[in-house]
């Protein structure tokens, strides 16, 4: 059973910081690509940041220089450090795990955590 549990969301003023965590259960974590996505009301879900099993990272242009994704394979946890938050960062943030084994694709989502940035 694969489970992704996000935590760390909340209400913060513009310019503030939050750190999101996503704890994963199961034996897949070290081989998976992990990502943080977000969905604001009335908008499509979008990729915020991703980190491959190798540790390479990628970011949406809108968060480059402000957000940092990292992973701790020993703890089966991926993090998203969010600094210099803006009201437009307000959204539900979702953790995603993706991996392929023997030609079978696995793609799992967490339940989401709300981030609200006040101006």
PDB file of N, CA and C in Angstrom:
ATOM      1  N   UNK A   1       0.850  -1.189   0.000  1.00  0.00           N
ATOM      2  CA  UNK A   1       0.000   0.000   0.000  1.00  0.00           C
ATOM      3  C   UNK A   1       0.889   1.243   0.000  1.00  0.00           C
ATOM      4  N   UNK A   2       0.710   2.076  -1.006  1.00  0.00           N
ATOM      5  CA  UNK A   2       1.483   3.306  -1.117  1.00  0.00           C
ATOM      6  C   UNK A   2       0.702   4.441  -0.482  1.00  0.00           C
ATOM      7  N   UNK A   3       1.356   5.167   0.394  1.00  0.00           N
ATOM      8  CA  UNK A   3       0.730   6.350   0.993  1.00  0.00           C
ATOM      9  C   UNK A   3       1.699   7.512   0.977  1.00  0.00           C
ATOM     10  N   UNK A   4       1.178   8.675   0.622  1.00  0.00           N
ATOM     11  CA  UNK A   4       1.933   9.922   0.676  1.00  0.00           C
ATOM     12  C   UNK A   4       1.163  10.868   1.586  1.00  0.00           C
ATOM     13  N   UNK A   5       1.821  11.340   2.630  1.00  0.00           N
ATOM     14  CA  UNK A   5       1.148  12.202   3.595  1.00  0.00           C
ATOM     15  C   UNK A   5       1.887  13.526   3.685  1.00  0.00           C
ATOM     16  N   UNK A   6       1.195  14.590   3.244  1.00  0.00           N
ATOM     17  CA  UNK A   6       1.786  15.926   3.281  1.00  0.00           C
ATOM     18  C   UNK A   6       1.511  16.605   4.611  1.00  0.00           C
ATOM     19  N   UNK A   7       2.399  17.491   4.973  1.00  0.00           N
ATOM     20  CA  UNK A   7       2.208  18.323   6.162  1.00  0.00           C
ATOM     21  C   UNK A   7       2.993  19.611   5.984  1.00  0.00           C
ATOM     22  N   UNK A   8       2.687  20.586   6.838  1.00  0.00           N
ATOM     23  CA  UNK A   8       3.451  21.826   6.840  1.00  0.00           C
ATOM     24  C   UNK A   8       2.749  23.017   6.226  1.00  0.00           C
ATOM     25  N   UNK A   9       1.573  22.799   5.646  1.00  0.00           N
ATOM     26  CA  UNK A   9       0.853  23.928   5.081  1.00  0.00           C
ATOM     27  C   UNK A   9       0.308  24.837   6.170  1.00  0.00           C
ATOM     28  N   UNK A  10      -0.234  25.968   5.736  1.00  0.00           N
ATOM     29  CA  UNK A  10      -0.797  26.902   6.700  1.00  0.00           C
ATOM     30  C   UNK A  10      -0.964  28.282   6.117  1.00  0.00           C
ATOM     31  N   UNK A  11      -1.204  29.226   7.007  1.00  0.00           N
ATOM     32  CA  UNK A  11      -1.392  30.626   6.632  1.00  0.00           C
ATOM     33  C   UNK A  11      -0.131  31.405   6.981  1.00  0.00           C
ATOM     34  N   UNK A  12       0.353  32.179   6.014  1.00  0.00           N
ATOM     35  CA  UNK A  12       1.564  32.951   6.230  1.00  0.00           C
ATOM     36  C   UNK A  12       1.427  34.287   5.511  1.00  0.00           C
ATOM     37  N   UNK A  13       2.080  35.295   6.017  1.00  0.00           N
ATOM     38  CA  UNK A  13       2.063  36.592   5.348  1.00  0.00           C
ATOM     39  C   UNK A  13       3.024  36.606   4.167  1.00  0.00           C
ATOM     40  N   UNK A  14       2.749  37.460   3.227  1.00  0.00           N
ATOM     41  CA  UNK A  14       3.637  37.622   2.076  1.00  0.00           C
ATOM     42  C   UNK A  14       5.051  37.940   2.564  1.00  0.00           C
ATOM     43  N   UNK A  15       6.015  37.269   1.918  1.00  0.00           N
ATOM     44  CA  UNK A  15       7.401  37.419   2.324  1.00  0.00           C
ATOM     45  C   UNK A  15       7.862  36.378   3.312  1.00  0.00           C
ATOM     46  N   UNK A  16       6.921  35.629   3.863  1.00  0.00           N
ATOM     47  CA  UNK A  16       7.246  34.608   4.845  1.00  0.00           C
ATOM     48  C   UNK A  16       7.686  33.303   4.213  1.00  0.00           C
ATOM     49  N   UNK A  17       7.883  32.307   5.080  1.00  0.00           N
ATOM     50  CA  UNK A  17       8.377  31.003   4.640  1.00  0.00           C
ATOM     51  C   UNK A  17       7.542  29.875   5.228  1.00  0.00           C
ATOM     52  N   UNK A  18       7.508  28.786   4.517  1.00  0.00           N
ATOM     53  CA  UNK A  18       6.918  27.535   4.992  1.00  0.00           C
ATOM     54  C   UNK A  18       7.759  26.386   4.455  1.00  0.00           C
ATOM     55  N   UNK A  19       7.749  25.276   5.186  1.00  0.00           N
ATOM     56  CA  UNK A  19       8.376  24.070   4.679  1.00  0.00           C
ATOM     57  C   UNK A  19       7.352  22.948   4.663  1.00  0.00           C
ATOM     58  N   UNK A  20       7.108  22.419   3.484  1.00  0.00           N
ATOM     59  CA  UNK A  20       6.208  21.289   3.329  1.00  0.00           C
ATOM     60  C   UNK A  20       7.007  19.987   3.400  1.00  0.00           C
ATOM     61  N   UNK A  21       6.382  18.985   3.972  1.00  0.00           N
ATOM     62  CA  UNK A  21       6.974  17.652   4.026  1.00  0.00           C
ATOM     63  C   UNK A  21       6.001  16.648   3.430  1.00  0.00           C
ATOM     64  N   UNK A  22       6.553  15.622   2.818  1.00  0.00           N
ATOM     65  CA  UNK A  22       5.737  14.527   2.283  1.00  0.00           C
ATOM     66  C   UNK A  22       6.400  13.226   2.706  1.00  0.00           C
ATOM     67  N   UNK A  23       5.743  12.527   3.610  1.00  0.00           N
ATOM     68  CA  UNK A  23       6.255  11.260   4.103  1.00  0.00           C
ATOM     69  C   UNK A  23       5.636  10.122   3.308  1.00  0.00           C
ATOM     70  N   UNK A  24       6.475   9.240   2.806  1.00  0.00           N
ATOM     71  CA  UNK A  24       6.012   8.157   1.950  1.00  0.00           C
ATOM     72  C   UNK A  24       6.153   6.809   2.640  1.00  0.00           C
ATOM     73  N   UNK A  25       5.167   5.985   2.460  1.00  0.00           N
ATOM     74  CA  UNK A  25       5.256   4.599   2.931  1.00  0.00           C
ATOM     75  C   UNK A  25       5.517   3.701   1.737  1.00  0.00           C
ATOM     76  N   UNK A  26       6.113   2.557   1.981  1.00  0.00           N
ATOM     77  CA  UNK A  26       6.399   1.654   0.882  1.00  0.00           C
ATOM     78  C   UNK A  26       7.873   1.640   0.534  1.00  0.00           C
ATOM     79  N   UNK A  27       8.254   0.678  -0.302  1.00  0.00           N
ATOM     80  CA  UNK A  27       9.666   0.455  -0.594  1.00  0.00           C
ATOM     81  C   UNK A  27      10.124   1.125  -1.881  1.00  0.00           C
ATOM     82  N   UNK A  28       9.280   1.947  -2.455  1.00  0.00           N
ATOM     83  CA  UNK A  28       9.552   2.524  -3.765  1.00  0.00           C
ATOM     84  C   UNK A  28      10.363   3.815  -3.716  1.00  0.00           C
ATOM     85  N   UNK A  29      10.454   4.412  -2.543  1.00  0.00           N
ATOM     86  CA  UNK A  29      10.852   5.817  -2.459  1.00  0.00           C
ATOM     87  C   UNK A  29      12.187   6.091  -3.148  1.00  0.00           C
ATOM     88  N   UNK A  30      13.188   5.282  -2.904  1.00  0.00           N
ATOM     89  CA  UNK A  30      14.530   5.578  -3.410  1.00  0.00           C
ATOM     90  C   UNK A  30      14.615   5.520  -4.931  1.00  0.00           C
ATOM     91  N   UNK A  31      13.689   4.836  -5.572  1.00  0.00           N
ATOM     92  CA  UNK A  31      13.737   4.733  -7.032  1.00  0.00           C
ATOM     93  C   UNK A  31      12.758   5.678  -7.714  1.00  0.00           C
ATOM     94  N   UNK A  32      12.030   6.434  -6.929  1.00  0.00           N
ATOM     95  CA  UNK A  32      10.973   7.260  -7.492  1.00  0.00           C
ATOM     96  C   UNK A  32      11.434   8.680  -7.775  1.00  0.00           C
ATOM     97  N   UNK A  33      10.784   9.279  -8.760  1.00  0.00           N
ATOM     98  CA  UNK A  33      10.855  10.724  -8.931  1.00  0.00           C
ATOM     99  C   UNK A  33       9.737  11.323  -8.091  1.00  0.00           C
ATOM    100  N   UNK A  34      10.069  12.342  -7.338  1.00  0.00           N
ATOM    101  CA  UNK A  34       9.088  12.977  -6.462  1.00  0.00           C
ATOM    102  C   UNK A  34       8.825  14.391  -6.933  1.00  0.00           C
ATOM    103  N   UNK A  35       7.605  14.825  -6.756  1.00  0.00           N
ATOM    104  CA  UNK A  35       7.281  16.173  -7.193  1.00  0.00           C
ATOM    105  C   UNK A  35       6.275  16.832  -6.285  1.00  0.00           C
ATOM    106  N   UNK A  36       6.325  18.146  -6.298  1.00  0.00           N
ATOM    107  CA  UNK A  36       5.301  18.958  -5.643  1.00  0.00           C
ATOM    108  C   UNK A  36       4.517  19.692  -6.731  1.00  0.00           C
ATOM    109  N   UNK A  37       3.217  19.549  -6.657  1.00  0.00           N
ATOM    110  CA  UNK A  37       2.311  20.236  -7.571  1.00  0.00           C
ATOM    111  C   UNK A  37       1.409  21.143  -6.736  1.00  0.00           C
ATOM    112  N   UNK A  38       0.766  22.080  -7.402  1.00  0.00           N
ATOM    113  CA  UNK A  38      -0.204  22.912  -6.702  1.00  0.00           C
ATOM    114  C   UNK A  38      -1.384  23.201  -7.610  1.00  0.00           C
ATOM    115  N   UNK A  39      -2.516  23.453  -6.951  1.00  0.00           N
ATOM    116  CA  UNK A  39      -3.731  23.784  -7.685  1.00  0.00           C
ATOM    117  C   UNK A  39      -4.443  24.905  -6.952  1.00  0.00           C
ATOM    118  N   UNK A  40      -4.568  26.027  -7.626  1.00  0.00           N
ATOM    119  CA  UNK A  40      -5.304  27.163  -7.083  1.00  0.00           C
ATOM    120  C   UNK A  40      -6.752  27.079  -7.568  1.00  0.00           C
ATOM    121  N   UNK A  41      -7.674  27.709  -6.869  1.00  0.00           N
ATOM    122  CA  UNK A  41      -9.088  27.662  -7.284  1.00  0.00           C
ATOM    123  C   UNK A  41      -9.273  28.142  -8.719  1.00  0.00           C
ATOM    124  N   UNK A  42      -9.975  27.339  -9.499  1.00  0.00           N
ATOM    125  CA  UNK A  42     -10.250  27.699 -10.877  1.00  0.00           C
ATOM    126  C   UNK A  42      -9.103  27.501 -11.839  1.00  0.00           C
ATOM    127  N   UNK A  43      -8.006  26.929 -11.353  1.00  0.00           N
ATOM    128  CA  UNK A  43      -6.835  26.727 -12.218  1.00  0.00           C
ATOM    129  C   UNK A  43      -6.473  25.250 -12.281  1.00  0.00           C
ATOM    130  N   UNK A  44      -5.699  24.921 -13.298  1.00  0.00           N
ATOM    131  CA  UNK A  44      -5.230  23.541 -13.436  1.00  0.00           C
ATOM    132  C   UNK A  44      -4.087  23.262 -12.467  1.00  0.00           C
ATOM    133  N   UNK A  45      -3.944  22.002 -12.132  1.00  0.00           N
ATOM    134  CA  UNK A  45      -2.826  21.601 -11.303  1.00  0.00           C
ATOM    135  C   UNK A  45      -1.535  21.791 -12.094  1.00  0.00           C
ATOM    136  N   UNK A  46      -0.517  22.336 -11.436  1.00  0.00           N
ATOM    137  CA  UNK A  46       0.746  22.603 -12.122  1.00  0.00           C
ATOM    138  C   UNK A  46       1.927  22.091 -11.314  1.00  0.00           C
ATOM    139  N   UNK A  47       2.980  21.717 -12.022  1.00  0.00           N
ATOM    140  CA  UNK A  47       4.200  21.271 -11.362  1.00  0.00           C
ATOM    141  C   UNK A  47       4.914  22.479 -10.763  1.00  0.00           C
ATOM    142  N   UNK A  48       5.278  22.361  -9.504  1.00  0.00           N
ATOM    143  CA  UNK A  48       6.043  23.391  -8.824  1.00  0.00           C
ATOM    144  C   UNK A  48       7.528  23.037  -8.828  1.00  0.00           C
ATOM    145  N   UNK A  49       7.836  21.820  -8.423  1.00  0.00           N
ATOM    146  CA  UNK A  49       9.228  21.380  -8.352  1.00  0.00           C
ATOM    147  C   UNK A  49       9.273  19.875  -8.380  1.00  0.00           C
ATOM    148  N   UNK A  50      10.344  19.335  -8.956  1.00  0.00           N
ATOM    149  CA  UNK A  50      10.521  17.893  -9.000  1.00  0.00           C
ATOM    150  C   UNK A  50      11.946  17.514  -8.657  1.00  0.00           C
ATOM    151  N   UNK A  51      12.092  16.300  -8.145  1.00  0.00           N
ATOM    152  CA  UNK A  51      13.436  15.800  -7.830  1.00  0.00           C
ATOM    153  C   UNK A  51      13.486  14.331  -8.232  1.00  0.00           C
ATOM    154  N   UNK A  52      14.473  13.998  -9.042  1.00  0.00           N
ATOM    155  CA  UNK A  52      14.615  12.632  -9.521  1.00  0.00           C
ATOM    156  C   UNK A  52      15.307  11.760  -8.464  1.00  0.00           C
ATOM    157  N   UNK A  53      15.309  10.460  -8.719  1.00  0.00           N
ATOM    158  CA  UNK A  53      15.997   9.552  -7.796  1.00  0.00           C
ATOM    159  C   UNK A  53      17.490   9.870  -7.731  1.00  0.00           C
ATOM    160  N   UNK A  54      18.021  10.454  -8.799  1.00  0.00           N
ATOM    161  CA  UNK A  54      19.439  10.835  -8.835  1.00  0.00           C
ATOM    162  C   UNK A  54      19.722  12.085  -8.009  1.00  0.00           C
ATOM    163  N   UNK A  55      18.667  12.820  -7.693  1.00  0.00           N
ATOM    164  CA  UNK A  55      18.816  14.068  -6.952  1.00  0.00           C
ATOM    165  C   UNK A  55      18.731  15.304  -7.819  1.00  0.00           C
ATOM    166  N   UNK A  56      18.661  15.132  -9.130  1.00  0.00           N
ATOM    167  CA  UNK A  56      18.532  16.297 -10.003  1.00  0.00           C
ATOM    168  C   UNK A  56      17.162  16.927  -9.799  1.00  0.00           C
ATOM    169  N   UNK A  57      17.107  18.238  -9.934  1.00  0.00           N
ATOM    170  CA  UNK A  57      15.886  18.977  -9.628  1.00  0.00           C
ATOM    171  C   UNK A  57      15.448  19.842 -10.803  1.00  0.00           C
ATOM    172  N   UNK A  58      14.179  20.173 -10.805  1.00  0.00           N
ATOM    173  CA  UNK A  58      13.656  21.134 -11.770  1.00  0.00           C
ATOM    174  C   UNK A  58      12.556  21.936 -11.100  1.00  0.00           C
ATOM    175  N   UNK A  59      12.362  23.163 -11.557  1.00  0.00           N
ATOM    176  CA  UNK A  59      11.422  24.086 -10.933  1.00  0.00           C
ATOM    177  C   UNK A  59      10.604  24.826 -11.983  1.00  0.00           C
ATOM    178  N   UNK A  60       9.400  25.183 -11.587  1.00  0.00           N
ATOM    179  CA  UNK A  60       8.625  26.107 -12.405  1.00  0.00           C
ATOM    180  C   UNK A  60       9.312  27.473 -12.366  1.00  0.00           C
ATOM    181  N   UNK A  61       9.218  28.200 -13.473  1.00  0.00           N
ATOM    182  CA  UNK A  61       9.865  29.511 -13.534  1.00  0.00           C
ATOM    183  C   UNK A  61       9.378  30.440 -12.419  1.00  0.00           C
ATOM    184  N   UNK A  62       8.122  30.298 -12.055  1.00  0.00           N
ATOM    185  CA  UNK A  62       7.520  31.205 -11.085  1.00  0.00           C
ATOM    186  C   UNK A  62       8.083  31.039  -9.678  1.00  0.00           C
ATOM    187  N   UNK A  63       8.769  29.926  -9.412  1.00  0.00           N
ATOM    188  CA  UNK A  63       9.281  29.688  -8.050  1.00  0.00           C
ATOM    189  C   UNK A  63      10.790  29.591  -7.997  1.00  0.00           C
ATOM    190  N   UNK A  64      11.445  29.667  -9.141  1.00  0.00           N
ATOM    191  CA  UNK A  64      12.912  29.562  -9.157  1.00  0.00           C
ATOM    192  C   UNK A  64      13.530  30.653  -8.290  1.00  0.00           C
ATOM    193  N   UNK A  65      14.485  30.237  -7.472  1.00  0.00           N
ATOM    194  CA  UNK A  65      15.150  31.174  -6.591  1.00  0.00           C
ATOM    195  C   UNK A  65      14.437  31.384  -5.269  1.00  0.00           C
ATOM    196  N   UNK A  66      13.202  30.904  -5.162  1.00  0.00           N
ATOM    197  CA  UNK A  66      12.441  31.062  -3.918  1.00  0.00           C
ATOM    198  C   UNK A  66      12.150  29.722  -3.230  1.00  0.00           C
ATOM    199  N   UNK A  67      11.921  28.680  -4.021  1.00  0.00           N
ATOM    200  CA  UNK A  67      11.578  27.364  -3.485  1.00  0.00           C
ATOM    201  C   UNK A  67      12.749  26.402  -3.693  1.00  0.00           C
ATOM    202  N   UNK A  68      12.887  25.467  -2.765  1.00  0.00           N
ATOM    203  CA  UNK A  68      13.904  24.431  -2.882  1.00  0.00           C
ATOM    204  C   UNK A  68      13.300  23.081  -2.528  1.00  0.00           C
ATOM    205  N   UNK A  69      13.450  22.127  -3.438  1.00  0.00           N
ATOM    206  CA  UNK A  69      12.984  20.772  -3.188  1.00  0.00           C
ATOM    207  C   UNK A  69      14.178  19.920  -2.775  1.00  0.00           C
ATOM    208  N   UNK A  70      13.950  19.020  -1.823  1.00  0.00           N
ATOM    209  CA  UNK A  70      15.008  18.117  -1.385  1.00  0.00           C
ATOM    210  C   UNK A  70      14.378  16.802  -0.948  1.00  0.00           C
ATOM    211  N   UNK A  71      15.202  15.786  -0.814  1.00  0.00           N
ATOM    212  CA  UNK A  71      14.699  14.486  -0.381  1.00  0.00           C
ATOM    213  C   UNK A  71      15.675  13.851   0.585  1.00  0.00           C
ATOM    214  N   UNK A  72      15.120  13.064   1.481  1.00  0.00           N
ATOM    215  CA  UNK A  72      15.891  12.275   2.429  1.00  0.00           C
ATOM    216  C   UNK A  72      15.454  10.835   2.262  1.00  0.00           C
ATOM    217  N   UNK A  73      16.237  10.062   1.527  1.00  0.00           N
ATOM    218  CA  UNK A  73      15.847   8.682   1.246  1.00  0.00           C
ATOM    219  C   UNK A  73      15.832   7.822   2.508  1.00  0.00           C
ATOM    220  N   UNK A  74      16.641   8.177   3.493  1.00  0.00           N
ATOM    221  CA  UNK A  74      16.654   7.406   4.743  1.00  0.00           C
ATOM    222  C   UNK A  74      15.347   7.568   5.504  1.00  0.00           C
ATOM    223  N   UNK A  75      14.695   8.712   5.311  1.00  0.00           N
ATOM    224  CA  UNK A  75      13.431   8.989   6.003  1.00  0.00           C
ATOM    225  C   UNK A  75      12.222   8.854   5.085  1.00  0.00           C
ATOM    226  N   UNK A  76      12.453   8.475   3.827  1.00  0.00           N
ATOM    227  CA  UNK A  76      11.346   8.381   2.857  1.00  0.00           C
ATOM    228  C   UNK A  76      10.525   9.672   2.820  1.00  0.00           C
ATOM    229  N   UNK A  77      11.209  10.787   2.792  1.00  0.00           N
ATOM    230  CA  UNK A  77      10.526  12.080   2.878  1.00  0.00           C
ATOM    231  C   UNK A  77      11.089  13.050   1.848  1.00  0.00           C
ATOM    232  N   UNK A  78      10.189  13.802   1.253  1.00  0.00           N
ATOM    233  CA  UNK A  78      10.577  14.868   0.343  1.00  0.00           C
ATOM    234  C   UNK A  78      10.073  16.178   0.933  1.00  0.00           C
ATOM    235  N   UNK A  79      10.856  17.221   0.745  1.00  0.00           N
ATOM    236  CA  UNK A  79      10.551  18.516   1.335  1.00  0.00           C
ATOM    237  C   UNK A  79      10.427  19.590   0.258  1.00  0.00           C
ATOM    238  N   UNK A  80       9.685  20.626   0.585  1.00  0.00           N
ATOM    239  CA  UNK A  80       9.643  21.812  -0.253  1.00  0.00           C
ATOM    240  C   UNK A  80       9.796  23.021   0.660  1.00  0.00           C
ATOM    241  N   UNK A  81      10.963  23.640   0.602  1.00  0.00           N
ATOM    242  CA  UNK A  81      11.195  24.859   1.356  1.00  0.00           C
ATOM    243  C   UNK A  81      10.735  26.033   0.503  1.00  0.00           C
ATOM    244  N   UNK A  82       9.810  26.802   1.039  1.00  0.00           N
ATOM    245  CA  UNK A  82       9.226  27.917   0.293  1.00  0.00           C
ATOM    246  C   UNK A  82       9.556  29.219   1.013  1.00  0.00           C
ATOM    247  N   UNK A  83      10.322  30.057   0.356  1.00  0.00           N
ATOM    248  CA  UNK A  83      10.704  31.356   0.911  1.00  0.00           C
ATOM    249  C   UNK A  83      10.128  32.482   0.059  1.00  0.00           C
ATOM    250  N   UNK A  84      10.122  33.663   0.621  1.00  0.00           N
ATOM    251  CA  UNK A  84       9.619  34.851  -0.096  1.00  0.00           C
ATOM    252  C   UNK A  84       8.260  34.581  -0.726  1.00  0.00           C
ATOM    253  N   UNK A  85       7.381  34.022   0.063  1.00  0.00           N
ATOM    254  CA  UNK A  85       6.069  33.635  -0.451  1.00  0.00           C
ATOM    255  C   UNK A  85       5.265  34.839  -0.906  1.00  0.00           C
ATOM    256  N   UNK A  86       4.474  34.613  -1.953  1.00  0.00           N
ATOM    257  CA  UNK A  86       3.638  35.648  -2.547  1.00  0.00           C
ATOM    258  C   UNK A  86       2.181  35.200  -2.492  1.00  0.00           C
ATOM    259  N   UNK A  87       1.247  36.139  -2.520  1.00  0.00           N
ATOM    260  CA  UNK A  87      -0.171  35.741  -2.524  1.00  0.00           C
ATOM    261  C   UNK A  87      -0.509  34.778  -3.667  1.00  0.00           C
ATOM    262  N   UNK A  88       0.146  34.912  -4.783  1.00  0.00           N
ATOM    263  CA  UNK A  88      -0.128  34.019  -5.911  1.00  0.00           C
ATOM    264  C   UNK A  88       0.384  32.600  -5.693  1.00  0.00           C
ATOM    265  N   UNK A  89       1.103  32.365  -4.617  1.00  0.00           N
ATOM    266  CA  UNK A  89       1.504  30.999  -4.265  1.00  0.00           C
ATOM    267  C   UNK A  89       0.393  30.255  -3.521  1.00  0.00           C
ATOM    268  N   UNK A  90      -0.672  30.947  -3.201  1.00  0.00           N
ATOM    269  CA  UNK A  90      -1.794  30.329  -2.502  1.00  0.00           C
ATOM    270  C   UNK A  90      -2.406  29.224  -3.345  1.00  0.00           C
ATOM    271  N   UNK A  91      -2.492  28.035  -2.772  1.00  0.00           N
ATOM    272  CA  UNK A  91      -3.004  26.870  -3.495  1.00  0.00           C
ATOM    273  C   UNK A  91      -3.009  25.675  -2.553  1.00  0.00           C
ATOM    274  N   UNK A  92      -3.617  24.601  -3.027  1.00  0.00           N
ATOM    275  CA  UNK A  92      -3.435  23.313  -2.377  1.00  0.00           C
ATOM    276  C   UNK A  92      -2.208  22.659  -3.017  1.00  0.00           C
ATOM    277  N   UNK A  93      -1.292  22.230  -2.175  1.00  0.00           N
ATOM    278  CA  UNK A  93      -0.048  21.633  -2.650  1.00  0.00           C
ATOM    279  C   UNK A  93      -0.115  20.114  -2.492  1.00  0.00           C
ATOM    280  N   UNK A  94       0.212  19.420  -3.564  1.00  0.00           N
ATOM    281  CA  UNK A  94       0.137  17.967  -3.593  1.00  0.00           C
ATOM    282  C   UNK A  94       1.517  17.356  -3.828  1.00  0.00           C
ATOM    283  N   UNK A  95       1.758  16.282  -3.137  1.00  0.00           N
ATOM    284  CA  UNK A  95       2.972  15.490  -3.330  1.00  0.00           C
ATOM    285  C   UNK A  95       2.679  14.380  -4.344  1.00  0.00           C
ATOM    286  N   UNK A  96       3.639  14.119  -5.196  1.00  0.00           N
ATOM    287  CA  UNK A  96       3.483  13.074  -6.213  1.00  0.00           C
ATOM    288  C   UNK A  96       4.706  12.175  -6.234  1.00  0.00           C
ATOM    289  N   UNK A  97       4.458  10.885  -6.410  1.00  0.00           N
ATOM    290  CA  UNK A  97       5.539   9.910  -6.570  1.00  0.00           C
ATOM    291  C   UNK A  97       5.327   9.162  -7.871  1.00  0.00           C
ATOM    292  N   UNK A  98       6.393   9.017  -8.629  1.00  0.00           N
ATOM    293  CA  UNK A  98       6.313   8.390  -9.954  1.00  0.00           C
ATOM    294  C   UNK A  98       7.512   7.473 -10.134  1.00  0.00           C
ATOM    295  N   UNK A  99       7.245   6.238 -10.517  1.00  0.00           N
ATOM    296  CA  UNK A  99       8.339   5.334 -10.845  1.00  0.00           C
ATOM    297  C   UNK A  99       7.866   4.268 -11.811  1.00  0.00           C
ATOM    298  N   UNK A 100       8.838   3.636 -12.477  1.00  0.00           N
ATOM    299  CA  UNK A 100       8.544   2.597 -13.457  1.00  0.00           C
ATOM    300  C   UNK A 100       9.340   1.358 -13.090  1.00  0.00           C
ATOM    301  N   UNK A 101       8.666   0.237 -13.002  1.00  0.00           N
ATOM    302  CA  UNK A 101       9.306  -1.045 -12.718  1.00  0.00           C
ATOM    303  C   UNK A 101       8.784  -2.073 -13.705  1.00  0.00           C
ATOM    304  N   UNK A 102       9.700  -2.724 -14.400  1.00  0.00           N
ATOM    305  CA  UNK A 102       9.335  -3.784 -15.360  1.00  0.00           C
ATOM    306  C   UNK A 102       8.283  -3.285 -16.345  1.00  0.00           C
ATOM    307  N   UNK A 103       8.450  -2.045 -16.785  1.00  0.00           N
ATOM    308  CA  UNK A 103       7.537  -1.507 -17.783  1.00  0.00           C
ATOM    309  C   UNK A 103       6.202  -1.039 -17.252  1.00  0.00           C
ATOM    310  N   UNK A 104       5.986  -1.145 -15.951  1.00  0.00           N
ATOM    311  CA  UNK A 104       4.726  -0.711 -15.348  1.00  0.00           C
ATOM    312  C   UNK A 104       4.958   0.644 -14.674  1.00  0.00           C
ATOM    313  N   UNK A 105       4.084   1.594 -15.004  1.00  0.00           N
ATOM    314  CA  UNK A 105       4.185   2.941 -14.440  1.00  0.00           C
ATOM    315  C   UNK A 105       3.341   3.051 -13.182  1.00  0.00           C
ATOM    316  N   UNK A 106       3.934   3.610 -12.158  1.00  0.00           N
ATOM    317  CA  UNK A 106       3.238   3.849 -10.893  1.00  0.00           C
ATOM    318  C   UNK A 106       3.219   5.354 -10.657  1.00  0.00           C
ATOM    319  N   UNK A 107       2.059   5.874 -10.317  1.00  0.00           N
ATOM    320  CA  UNK A 107       1.886   7.310 -10.133  1.00  0.00           C
ATOM    321  C   UNK A 107       0.910   7.515  -8.973  1.00  0.00           C
ATOM    322  N   UNK A 108       1.393   8.114  -7.890  1.00  0.00           N
ATOM    323  CA  UNK A 108       0.570   8.253  -6.690  1.00  0.00           C
ATOM    324  C   UNK A 108       0.580   9.688  -6.197  1.00  0.00           C
ATOM    325  N   UNK A 109      -0.533  10.072  -5.568  1.00  0.00           N
ATOM    326  CA  UNK A 109      -0.713  11.423  -5.063  1.00  0.00           C
ATOM    327  C   UNK A 109      -1.042  11.412  -3.571  1.00  0.00           C
ATOM    328  N   UNK A 110      -0.597  12.462  -2.898  1.00  0.00           N
ATOM    329  CA  UNK A 110      -1.034  12.697  -1.531  1.00  0.00           C
ATOM    330  C   UNK A 110      -2.377  13.395  -1.518  1.00  0.00           C
ATOM    331  N   UNK A 111      -2.861  13.669  -0.310  1.00  0.00           N
ATOM    332  CA  UNK A 111      -4.194  14.245  -0.168  1.00  0.00           C
ATOM    333  C   UNK A 111      -4.184  15.766  -0.307  1.00  0.00           C
ATOM    334  N   UNK A 112      -3.016  16.362  -0.246  1.00  0.00           N
ATOM    335  CA  UNK A 112      -2.881  17.805  -0.401  1.00  0.00           C
ATOM    336  C   UNK A 112      -2.828  18.539   0.921  1.00  0.00           C
ATOM    337  N   UNK A 113      -2.149  19.675   0.894  1.00  0.00           N
ATOM    338  CA  UNK A 113      -2.083  20.549   2.064  1.00  0.00           C
ATOM    339  C   UNK A 113      -2.255  21.993   1.593  1.00  0.00           C
ATOM    340  N   UNK A 114      -3.073  22.729   2.311  1.00  0.00           N
ATOM    341  CA  UNK A 114      -3.409  24.086   1.903  1.00  0.00           C
ATOM    342  C   UNK A 114      -2.311  25.062   2.321  1.00  0.00           C
ATOM    343  N   UNK A 115      -1.908  25.894   1.373  1.00  0.00           N
ATOM    344  CA  UNK A 115      -0.994  27.007   1.647  1.00  0.00           C
ATOM    345  C   UNK A 115      -1.718  28.293   1.285  1.00  0.00           C
ATOM    346  N   UNK A 116      -1.823  29.194   2.246  1.00  0.00           N
ATOM    347  CA  UNK A 116      -2.476  30.476   2.020  1.00  0.00           C
ATOM    348  C   UNK A 116      -1.507  31.594   2.385  1.00  0.00           C
ATOM    349  N   UNK A 117      -1.277  32.475   1.420  1.00  0.00           N
ATOM    350  CA  UNK A 117      -0.365  33.595   1.629  1.00  0.00           C
ATOM    351  C   UNK A 117      -1.179  34.886   1.598  1.00  0.00           C
ATOM    352  N   UNK A 118      -1.173  35.600   2.688  1.00  0.00           N
ATOM    353  CA  UNK A 118      -1.946  36.842   2.777  1.00  0.00           C
ATOM    354  C   UNK A 118      -1.069  38.038   2.391  1.00  0.00           C
ATOM    355  N   UNK A 119      -1.726  39.014   1.796  1.00  0.00           N
ATOM    356  CA  UNK A 119      -0.969  40.205   1.346  1.00  0.00           C
ATOM    357  C   UNK A 119      -0.910  41.263   2.434  1.00  0.00           C
TER     358      UNK A 119
END
